[in-house]
Amino acid sequence: MSIETDRDSIEFTKRVKFALRYNSTPLLPLASMYAAVGDTRRAIELTNSLLARKEVVETNVIAGRLVLVLATSYLPCMPCVLSIELPNCPTTLAAL
C-alpha cells in the first residue's frame, strides 16, 4: 500500500490500528509511518495532519517509542497496550 494522501494515511491507521511514528526495528517489527510512506518528509507531514485532525493519538508506552494509535481504538486498546509496559497494570478500562 502506497501512502500519499491524508485519506491514504487514515486508511492505513484504520487497517493497522497502531503504528510506530518513525522506523521499526528487528526487535520491534511493527508497522511504521516512515516505512509505509517511504519519504521521511511526507511521512512527517501526513503524521502531523493525522494528529491535527485527531485521527490518531500519539503515545510512547510501547518500548518507549512514539506510536500512533487510531483515535477510535485508543480507549479500548489502552489496557492491552499498557500491560505491555506495565505487567501489573489493570486489564480493564473500569480498573484504570
PDB file of N, CA and C in Angstrom:
ATOM      1  N   MET A   1       0.844  -1.183   0.000  1.00  0.00           N
ATOM      2  CA  MET A   1       0.000   0.000   0.000  1.00  0.00           C
ATOM      3  C   MET A   1       0.889   1.246   0.000  1.00  0.00           C
ATOM      4  N   SER A   2       0.684   2.084  -0.970  1.00  0.00           N
ATOM      5  CA  SER A   2       1.440   3.330  -1.053  1.00  0.00           C
ATOM      6  C   SER A   2       0.628   4.455  -0.408  1.00  0.00           C
ATOM      7  N   ILE A   3       1.228   5.129   0.541  1.00  0.00           N
ATOM      8  CA  ILE A   3       0.537   6.207   1.247  1.00  0.00           C
ATOM      9  C   ILE A   3       1.030   7.538   0.699  1.00  0.00           C
ATOM     10  N   GLU A   4       0.108   8.277   0.098  1.00  0.00           N
ATOM     11  CA  GLU A   4       0.469   9.558  -0.497  1.00  0.00           C
ATOM     12  C   GLU A   4      -0.390  10.712   0.000  1.00  0.00           C
ATOM     13  N   THR A   5      -1.606  10.427   0.435  1.00  0.00           N
ATOM     14  CA  THR A   5      -2.548  11.486   0.817  1.00  0.00           C
ATOM     15  C   THR A   5      -3.011  11.307   2.261  1.00  0.00           C
ATOM     16  N   ASP A   6      -3.688  12.329   2.775  1.00  0.00           N
ATOM     17  CA  ASP A   6      -4.282  12.223   4.114  1.00  0.00           C
ATOM     18  C   ASP A   6      -5.241  11.041   4.176  1.00  0.00           C
ATOM     19  N   ARG A   7      -6.032  10.889   3.137  1.00  0.00           N
ATOM     20  CA  ARG A   7      -7.006   9.782   3.100  1.00  0.00           C
ATOM     21  C   ARG A   7      -6.287   8.427   3.171  1.00  0.00           C
ATOM     22  N   ASP A   8      -5.190   8.307   2.428  1.00  0.00           N
ATOM     23  CA  ASP A   8      -4.394   7.071   2.472  1.00  0.00           C
ATOM     24  C   ASP A   8      -3.867   6.807   3.882  1.00  0.00           C
ATOM     25  N   SER A   9      -3.395   7.867   4.546  1.00  0.00           N
ATOM     26  CA  SER A   9      -2.823   7.682   5.888  1.00  0.00           C
ATOM     27  C   SER A   9      -3.906   7.301   6.898  1.00  0.00           C
ATOM     28  N   ILE A  10      -5.101   7.832   6.726  1.00  0.00           N
ATOM     29  CA  ILE A  10      -6.218   7.452   7.605  1.00  0.00           C
ATOM     30  C   ILE A  10      -6.572   5.983   7.386  1.00  0.00           C
ATOM     31  N   GLU A  11      -6.655   5.559   6.129  1.00  0.00           N
ATOM     32  CA  GLU A  11      -6.960   4.159   5.818  1.00  0.00           C
ATOM     33  C   GLU A  11      -5.879   3.225   6.369  1.00  0.00           C
ATOM     34  N   PHE A  12      -4.631   3.644   6.269  1.00  0.00           N
ATOM     35  CA  PHE A  12      -3.523   2.857   6.814  1.00  0.00           C
ATOM     36  C   PHE A  12      -3.678   2.671   8.322  1.00  0.00           C
ATOM     37  N   THR A  13      -3.942   3.749   9.049  1.00  0.00           N
ATOM     38  CA  THR A  13      -4.064   3.639  10.504  1.00  0.00           C
ATOM     39  C   THR A  13      -5.315   2.850  10.892  1.00  0.00           C
ATOM     40  N   LYS A  14      -6.365   2.935  10.109  1.00  0.00           N
ATOM     41  CA  LYS A  14      -7.557   2.127  10.386  1.00  0.00           C
ATOM     42  C   LYS A  14      -7.237   0.640  10.215  1.00  0.00           C
ATOM     43  N   ARG A  15      -6.392   0.340   9.238  1.00  0.00           N
ATOM     44  CA  ARG A  15      -6.051  -1.057   8.971  1.00  0.00           C
ATOM     45  C   ARG A  15      -5.127  -1.632  10.039  1.00  0.00           C
ATOM     46  N   VAL A  16      -4.099  -0.869  10.438  1.00  0.00           N
ATOM     47  CA  VAL A  16      -3.117  -1.413  11.376  1.00  0.00           C
ATOM     48  C   VAL A  16      -3.439  -1.121  12.842  1.00  0.00           C
ATOM     49  N   LYS A  17      -4.328  -0.175  13.117  1.00  0.00           N
ATOM     50  CA  LYS A  17      -4.748   0.253  14.462  1.00  0.00           C
ATOM     51  C   LYS A  17      -3.689   1.055  15.210  1.00  0.00           C
ATOM     52  N   PHE A  18      -2.423   0.633  15.167  1.00  0.00           N
ATOM     53  CA  PHE A  18      -1.346   1.453  15.730  1.00  0.00           C
ATOM     54  C   PHE A  18      -0.063   1.188  14.958  1.00  0.00           C
ATOM     55  N   ALA A  19       0.744   2.241  14.842  1.00  0.00           N
ATOM     56  CA  ALA A  19       1.987   2.150  14.063  1.00  0.00           C
ATOM     57  C   ALA A  19       3.039   3.041  14.693  1.00  0.00           C
ATOM     58  N   LEU A  20       4.261   2.633  14.548  1.00  0.00           N
ATOM     59  CA  LEU A  20       5.361   3.480  15.005  1.00  0.00           C
ATOM     60  C   LEU A  20       5.382   4.748  14.173  1.00  0.00           C
ATOM     61  N   ARG A  21       5.667   5.872  14.822  1.00  0.00           N
ATOM     62  CA  ARG A  21       5.752   7.122  14.075  1.00  0.00           C
ATOM     63  C   ARG A  21       6.973   7.089  13.151  1.00  0.00           C
ATOM     64  N   TYR A  22       8.074   6.546  13.666  1.00  0.00           N
ATOM     65  CA  TYR A  22       9.310   6.503  12.891  1.00  0.00           C
ATOM     66  C   TYR A  22       9.540   5.080  12.407  1.00  0.00           C
ATOM     67  N   ASN A  23      10.759   4.637  12.265  1.00  0.00           N
ATOM     68  CA  ASN A  23      11.055   3.316  11.713  1.00  0.00           C
ATOM     69  C   ASN A  23      10.927   2.201  12.738  1.00  0.00           C
ATOM     70  N   SER A  24      10.558   1.036  12.242  1.00  0.00           N
ATOM     71  CA  SER A  24      10.549  -0.152  13.085  1.00  0.00           C
ATOM     72  C   SER A  24      11.978  -0.675  13.186  1.00  0.00           C
ATOM     73  N   THR A  25      12.182  -1.650  14.051  1.00  0.00           N
ATOM     74  CA  THR A  25      13.491  -2.277  14.203  1.00  0.00           C
ATOM     75  C   THR A  25      13.283  -3.789  14.206  1.00  0.00           C
ATOM     76  N   PRO A  26      14.352  -4.565  14.039  1.00  0.00           N
ATOM     77  CA  PRO A  26      14.192  -6.023  14.085  1.00  0.00           C
ATOM     78  C   PRO A  26      13.591  -6.505  15.410  1.00  0.00           C
ATOM     79  N   LEU A  27      13.878  -5.806  16.501  1.00  0.00           N
ATOM     80  CA  LEU A  27      13.333  -6.209  17.792  1.00  0.00           C
ATOM     81  C   LEU A  27      11.928  -5.674  18.038  1.00  0.00           C
ATOM     82  N   LEU A  28      11.484  -4.739  17.211  1.00  0.00           N
ATOM     83  CA  LEU A  28      10.139  -4.159  17.340  1.00  0.00           C
ATOM     84  C   LEU A  28       9.531  -4.047  15.937  1.00  0.00           C
ATOM     85  N   PRO A  29       9.143  -5.195  15.363  1.00  0.00           N
ATOM     86  CA  PRO A  29       8.694  -5.221  13.966  1.00  0.00           C
ATOM     87  C   PRO A  29       7.224  -4.819  13.790  1.00  0.00           C
ATOM     88  N   LEU A  30       6.925  -3.578  14.130  1.00  0.00           N
ATOM     89  CA  LEU A  30       5.572  -3.059  13.963  1.00  0.00           C
ATOM     90  C   LEU A  30       5.481  -2.246  12.678  1.00  0.00           C
ATOM     91  N   ALA A  31       4.272  -1.997  12.249  1.00  0.00           N
ATOM     92  CA  ALA A  31       4.069  -1.095  11.113  1.00  0.00           C
ATOM     93  C   ALA A  31       4.636   0.273  11.487  1.00  0.00           C
ATOM     94  N   SER A  32       5.131   1.003  10.498  1.00  0.00           N
ATOM     95  CA  SER A  32       5.638   2.340  10.776  1.00  0.00           C
ATOM     96  C   SER A  32       5.217   3.292   9.666  1.00  0.00           C
ATOM     97  N   MET A  33       4.968   4.541  10.041  1.00  0.00           N
ATOM     98  CA  MET A  33       4.596   5.551   9.054  1.00  0.00           C
ATOM     99  C   MET A  33       5.729   5.785   8.068  1.00  0.00           C
ATOM    100  N   TYR A  34       6.965   5.864   8.565  1.00  0.00           N
ATOM    101  CA  TYR A  34       8.097   6.103   7.666  1.00  0.00           C
ATOM    102  C   TYR A  34       8.168   5.021   6.588  1.00  0.00           C
ATOM    103  N   ALA A  35       8.060   3.773   6.990  1.00  0.00           N
ATOM    104  CA  ALA A  35       8.154   2.674   6.021  1.00  0.00           C
ATOM    105  C   ALA A  35       6.960   2.673   5.069  1.00  0.00           C
ATOM    106  N   ALA A  36       5.774   2.947   5.605  1.00  0.00           N
ATOM    107  CA  ALA A  36       4.569   2.921   4.780  1.00  0.00           C
ATOM    108  C   ALA A  36       4.554   4.041   3.750  1.00  0.00           C
ATOM    109  N   VAL A  37       5.078   5.210   4.127  1.00  0.00           N
ATOM    110  CA  VAL A  37       5.078   6.354   3.215  1.00  0.00           C
ATOM    111  C   VAL A  37       6.285   6.305   2.284  1.00  0.00           C
ATOM    112  N   GLY A  38       7.437   5.958   2.840  1.00  0.00           N
ATOM    113  CA  GLY A  38       8.636   5.847   2.024  1.00  0.00           C
ATOM    114  C   GLY A  38       9.464   7.115   1.920  1.00  0.00           C
ATOM    115  N   ASP A  39       8.863   8.253   2.187  1.00  0.00           N
ATOM    116  CA  ASP A  39       9.556   9.538   2.136  1.00  0.00           C
ATOM    117  C   ASP A  39       9.437  10.188   3.512  1.00  0.00           C
ATOM    118  N   THR A  40      10.573  10.442   4.149  1.00  0.00           N
ATOM    119  CA  THR A  40      10.575  10.937   5.528  1.00  0.00           C
ATOM    120  C   THR A  40       9.800  12.234   5.671  1.00  0.00           C
ATOM    121  N   ARG A  41      10.067  13.187   4.810  1.00  0.00           N
ATOM    122  CA  ARG A  41       9.380  14.487   4.909  1.00  0.00           C
ATOM    123  C   ARG A  41       7.867  14.336   4.765  1.00  0.00           C
ATOM    124  N   ARG A  42       7.440  13.539   3.800  1.00  0.00           N
ATOM    125  CA  ARG A  42       6.000  13.339   3.581  1.00  0.00           C
ATOM    126  C   ARG A  42       5.386  12.574   4.746  1.00  0.00           C
ATOM    127  N   ALA A  43       6.111  11.616   5.307  1.00  0.00           N
ATOM    128  CA  ALA A  43       5.612  10.874   6.473  1.00  0.00           C
ATOM    129  C   ALA A  43       5.363  11.824   7.643  1.00  0.00           C
ATOM    130  N   ILE A  44       6.271  12.764   7.854  1.00  0.00           N
ATOM    131  CA  ILE A  44       6.103  13.748   8.929  1.00  0.00           C
ATOM    132  C   ILE A  44       4.875  14.613   8.667  1.00  0.00           C
ATOM    133  N   GLU A  45       4.715  15.070   7.427  1.00  0.00           N
ATOM    134  CA  GLU A  45       3.563  15.903   7.079  1.00  0.00           C
ATOM    135  C   GLU A  45       2.251  15.156   7.302  1.00  0.00           C
ATOM    136  N   LEU A  46       2.190  13.911   6.844  1.00  0.00           N
ATOM    137  CA  LEU A  46       0.966  13.122   6.998  1.00  0.00           C
ATOM    138  C   LEU A  46       0.677  12.808   8.462  1.00  0.00           C
ATOM    139  N   THR A  47       1.718  12.491   9.214  1.00  0.00           N
ATOM    140  CA  THR A  47       1.547  12.215  10.642  1.00  0.00           C
ATOM    141  C   THR A  47       1.043  13.457  11.369  1.00  0.00           C
ATOM    142  N   ASN A  48       1.629  14.594  11.080  1.00  0.00           N
ATOM    143  CA  ASN A  48       1.179  15.837  11.717  1.00  0.00           C
ATOM    144  C   ASN A  48      -0.268  16.150  11.355  1.00  0.00           C
ATOM    145  N   SER A  49      -0.644  15.840  10.128  1.00  0.00           N
ATOM    146  CA  SER A  49      -2.032  16.044   9.716  1.00  0.00           C
ATOM    147  C   SER A  49      -2.974  15.114  10.485  1.00  0.00           C
ATOM    148  N   LEU A  50      -2.582  13.848  10.640  1.00  0.00           N
ATOM    149  CA  LEU A  50      -3.403  12.907  11.418  1.00  0.00           C
ATOM    150  C   LEU A  50      -3.587  13.393  12.854  1.00  0.00           C
ATOM    151  N   LEU A  51      -2.512  13.898  13.438  1.00  0.00           N
ATOM    152  CA  LEU A  51      -2.582  14.404  14.810  1.00  0.00           C
ATOM    153  C   LEU A  51      -3.465  15.649  14.890  1.00  0.00           C
ATOM    154  N   ALA A  52      -3.318  16.552  13.950  1.00  0.00           N
ATOM    155  CA  ALA A  52      -4.101  17.787  13.946  1.00  0.00           C
ATOM    156  C   ALA A  52      -5.592  17.501  13.764  1.00  0.00           C
ATOM    157  N   ARG A  53      -5.900  16.503  12.975  1.00  0.00           N
ATOM    158  CA  ARG A  53      -7.305  16.130  12.723  1.00  0.00           C
ATOM    159  C   ARG A  53      -7.871  15.218  13.798  1.00  0.00           C
ATOM    160  N   LYS A  54      -7.032  14.879  14.789  1.00  0.00           N
ATOM    161  CA  LYS A  54      -7.428  13.995  15.888  1.00  0.00           C
ATOM    162  C   LYS A  54      -7.859  12.608  15.405  1.00  0.00           C
ATOM    163  N   GLU A  55      -7.230  12.171  14.307  1.00  0.00           N
ATOM    164  CA  GLU A  55      -7.470  10.822  13.799  1.00  0.00           C
ATOM    165  C   GLU A  55      -6.669   9.797  14.600  1.00  0.00           C
ATOM    166  N   VAL A  56      -5.516  10.242  15.129  1.00  0.00           N
ATOM    167  CA  VAL A  56      -4.654   9.366  15.921  1.00  0.00           C
ATOM    168  C   VAL A  56      -4.261  10.065  17.218  1.00  0.00           C
ATOM    169  N   VAL A  57      -3.840   9.257  18.171  1.00  0.00           N
ATOM    170  CA  VAL A  57      -3.285   9.738  19.432  1.00  0.00           C
ATOM    171  C   VAL A  57      -1.848   9.251  19.456  1.00  0.00           C
ATOM    172  N   GLU A  58      -0.935  10.112  19.882  1.00  0.00           N
ATOM    173  CA  GLU A  58       0.473   9.728  19.946  1.00  0.00           C
ATOM    174  C   GLU A  58       0.824   9.379  21.391  1.00  0.00           C
ATOM    175  N   THR A  59       1.470   8.250  21.560  1.00  0.00           N
ATOM    176  CA  THR A  59       1.851   7.796  22.895  1.00  0.00           C
ATOM    177  C   THR A  59       3.243   7.179  22.821  1.00  0.00           C
ATOM    178  N   ASN A  60       3.857   7.001  23.968  1.00  0.00           N
ATOM    179  CA  ASN A  60       5.188   6.368  23.962  1.00  0.00           C
ATOM    180  C   ASN A  60       5.249   5.198  24.937  1.00  0.00           C
ATOM    181  N   VAL A  61       4.162   4.466  25.098  1.00  0.00           N
ATOM    182  CA  VAL A  61       4.146   3.362  26.062  1.00  0.00           C
ATOM    183  C   VAL A  61       4.629   2.033  25.496  1.00  0.00           C
ATOM    184  N   ILE A  62       4.874   1.942  24.208  1.00  0.00           N
ATOM    185  CA  ILE A  62       5.389   0.698  23.636  1.00  0.00           C
ATOM    186  C   ILE A  62       6.885   0.851  23.422  1.00  0.00           C
ATOM    187  N   ALA A  63       7.652   0.223  24.286  1.00  0.00           N
ATOM    188  CA  ALA A  63       9.116   0.228  24.211  1.00  0.00           C
ATOM    189  C   ALA A  63       9.699   1.633  24.183  1.00  0.00           C
ATOM    190  N   GLY A  64       8.990   2.587  24.771  1.00  0.00           N
ATOM    191  CA  GLY A  64       9.482   3.954  24.812  1.00  0.00           C
ATOM    192  C   GLY A  64       9.524   4.634  23.461  1.00  0.00           C
ATOM    193  N   ARG A  65       8.872   4.058  22.470  1.00  0.00           N
ATOM    194  CA  ARG A  65       8.863   4.610  21.116  1.00  0.00           C
ATOM    195  C   ARG A  65       7.568   5.367  20.874  1.00  0.00           C
ATOM    196  N   LEU A  66       7.617   6.378  20.012  1.00  0.00           N
ATOM    197  CA  LEU A  66       6.407   7.110  19.658  1.00  0.00           C
ATOM    198  C   LEU A  66       5.547   6.239  18.757  1.00  0.00           C
ATOM    199  N   VAL A  67       4.318   6.018  19.216  1.00  0.00           N
ATOM    200  CA  VAL A  67       3.384   5.166  18.494  1.00  0.00           C
ATOM    201  C   VAL A  67       2.123   5.964  18.226  1.00  0.00           C
ATOM    202  N   LEU A  68       1.611   5.832  17.018  1.00  0.00           N
ATOM    203  CA  LEU A  68       0.356   6.456  16.636  1.00  0.00           C
ATOM    204  C   LEU A  68      -0.736   5.414  16.796  1.00  0.00           C
ATOM    205  N   VAL A  69      -1.744   5.732  17.608  1.00  0.00           N
ATOM    206  CA  VAL A  69      -2.853   4.816  17.849  1.00  0.00           C
ATOM    207  C   VAL A  69      -4.104   5.437  17.251  1.00  0.00           C
ATOM    208  N   LEU A  70      -4.820   4.676  16.464  1.00  0.00           N
ATOM    209  CA  LEU A  70      -6.068   5.153  15.884  1.00  0.00           C
ATOM    210  C   LEU A  70      -6.960   5.670  17.005  1.00  0.00           C
ATOM    211  N   ALA A  71      -7.427   6.894  16.893  1.00  0.00           N
ATOM    212  CA  ALA A  71      -8.166   7.533  17.984  1.00  0.00           C
ATOM    213  C   ALA A  71      -9.383   6.722  18.418  1.00  0.00           C
ATOM    214  N   THR A  72     -10.112   6.139  17.478  1.00  0.00           N
ATOM    215  CA  THR A  72     -11.296   5.366  17.852  1.00  0.00           C
ATOM    216  C   THR A  72     -10.935   4.053  18.543  1.00  0.00           C
ATOM    217  N   SER A  73      -9.693   3.624  18.419  1.00  0.00           N
ATOM    218  CA  SER A  73      -9.230   2.399  19.080  1.00  0.00           C
ATOM    219  C   SER A  73      -8.495   2.689  20.368  1.00  0.00           C
ATOM    220  N   TYR A  74      -8.219   3.953  20.630  1.00  0.00           N
ATOM    221  CA  TYR A  74      -7.338   4.320  21.740  1.00  0.00           C
ATOM    222  C   TYR A  74      -7.824   3.798  23.085  1.00  0.00           C
ATOM    223  N   LEU A  75      -9.023   4.161  23.490  1.00  0.00           N
ATOM    224  CA  LEU A  75      -9.505   3.714  24.806  1.00  0.00           C
ATOM    225  C   LEU A  75      -9.689   2.205  24.888  1.00  0.00           C
ATOM    226  N   PRO A  76     -10.335   1.572  23.899  1.00  0.00           N
ATOM    227  CA  PRO A  76     -10.496   0.118  24.010  1.00  0.00           C
ATOM    228  C   PRO A  76      -9.185  -0.657  24.072  1.00  0.00           C
ATOM    229  N   CYS A  77      -8.134  -0.177  23.399  1.00  0.00           N
ATOM    230  CA  CYS A  77      -6.901  -0.965  23.378  1.00  0.00           C
ATOM    231  C   CYS A  77      -5.891  -0.537  24.434  1.00  0.00           C
ATOM    232  N   MET A  78      -6.118   0.553  25.141  1.00  0.00           N
ATOM    233  CA  MET A  78      -5.118   1.023  26.094  1.00  0.00           C
ATOM    234  C   MET A  78      -4.804   0.035  27.216  1.00  0.00           C
ATOM    235  N   PRO A  79      -5.769  -0.677  27.782  1.00  0.00           N
ATOM    236  CA  PRO A  79      -5.368  -1.657  28.806  1.00  0.00           C
ATOM    237  C   PRO A  79      -4.362  -2.676  28.272  1.00  0.00           C
ATOM    238  N   CYS A  80      -4.547  -3.127  27.036  1.00  0.00           N
ATOM    239  CA  CYS A  80      -3.605  -4.087  26.446  1.00  0.00           C
ATOM    240  C   CYS A  80      -2.257  -3.440  26.191  1.00  0.00           C
ATOM    241  N   VAL A  81      -2.267  -2.232  25.663  1.00  0.00           N
ATOM    242  CA  VAL A  81      -1.017  -1.536  25.372  1.00  0.00           C
ATOM    243  C   VAL A  81      -0.265  -1.270  26.669  1.00  0.00           C
ATOM    244  N   LEU A  82      -0.971  -0.815  27.686  1.00  0.00           N
ATOM    245  CA  LEU A  82      -0.328  -0.540  28.967  1.00  0.00           C
ATOM    246  C   LEU A  82       0.226  -1.806  29.601  1.00  0.00           C
ATOM    247  N   SER A  83      -0.458  -2.925  29.416  1.00  0.00           N
ATOM    248  CA  SER A  83       0.020  -4.163  30.026  1.00  0.00           C
ATOM    249  C   SER A  83       1.341  -4.631  29.416  1.00  0.00           C
ATOM    250  N   ILE A  84       1.660  -4.168  28.212  1.00  0.00           N
ATOM    251  CA  ILE A  84       2.953  -4.487  27.609  1.00  0.00           C
ATOM    252  C   ILE A  84       4.067  -3.857  28.435  1.00  0.00           C
ATOM    253  N   GLU A  85       3.883  -2.610  28.822  1.00  0.00           N
ATOM    254  CA  GLU A  85       4.901  -1.876  29.562  1.00  0.00           C
ATOM    255  C   GLU A  85       4.787  -2.057  31.073  1.00  0.00           C
ATOM    256  N   LEU A  86       3.569  -2.250  31.538  1.00  0.00           N
ATOM    257  CA  LEU A  86       3.334  -2.348  32.985  1.00  0.00           C
ATOM    258  C   LEU A  86       2.632  -3.668  33.276  1.00  0.00           C
ATOM    259  N   PRO A  87       3.369  -4.738  33.504  1.00  0.00           N
ATOM    260  CA  PRO A  87       2.753  -6.054  33.678  1.00  0.00           C
ATOM    261  C   PRO A  87       1.691  -6.126  34.774  1.00  0.00           C
ATOM    262  N   ASN A  88       1.772  -5.271  35.777  1.00  0.00           N
ATOM    263  CA  ASN A  88       0.787  -5.309  36.854  1.00  0.00           C
ATOM    264  C   ASN A  88      -0.354  -4.325  36.646  1.00  0.00           C
ATOM    265  N   CYS A  89      -0.437  -3.755  35.463  1.00  0.00           N
ATOM    266  CA  CYS A  89      -1.486  -2.793  35.130  1.00  0.00           C
ATOM    267  C   CYS A  89      -2.834  -3.511  35.016  1.00  0.00           C
ATOM    268  N   PRO A  90      -3.933  -2.862  35.437  1.00  0.00           N
ATOM    269  CA  PRO A  90      -5.253  -3.462  35.279  1.00  0.00           C
ATOM    270  C   PRO A  90      -5.544  -3.744  33.807  1.00  0.00           C
ATOM    271  N   THR A  91      -6.309  -4.773  33.546  1.00  0.00           N
ATOM    272  CA  THR A  91      -6.580  -5.152  32.167  1.00  0.00           C
ATOM    273  C   THR A  91      -7.957  -4.712  31.680  1.00  0.00           C
ATOM    274  N   THR A  92      -8.653  -3.905  32.462  1.00  0.00           N
ATOM    275  CA  THR A  92      -9.945  -3.376  32.017  1.00  0.00           C
ATOM    276  C   THR A  92      -9.961  -1.868  32.200  1.00  0.00           C
ATOM    277  N   LEU A  93     -10.771  -1.228  31.384  1.00  0.00           N
ATOM    278  CA  LEU A  93     -10.893   0.227  31.498  1.00  0.00           C
ATOM    279  C   LEU A  93     -11.483   0.624  32.840  1.00  0.00           C
ATOM    280  N   ALA A  94     -12.404  -0.162  33.350  1.00  0.00           N
ATOM    281  CA  ALA A  94     -13.042   0.164  34.627  1.00  0.00           C
ATOM    282  C   ALA A  94     -12.025   0.210  35.753  1.00  0.00           C
ATOM    283  N   ALA A  95     -10.981  -0.580  35.639  1.00  0.00           N
ATOM    284  CA  ALA A  95      -9.966  -0.634  36.710  1.00  0.00           C
ATOM    285  C   ALA A  95      -8.949   0.489  36.613  1.00  0.00           C
ATOM    286  N   LEU A  96      -8.924   1.212  35.483  1.00  0.00           N
ATOM    287  CA  LEU A  96      -7.946   2.282  35.311  1.00  0.00           C
ATOM    288  C   LEU A  96      -8.309   3.535  36.061  1.00  0.00           C
TER     289      LEU A  96
END
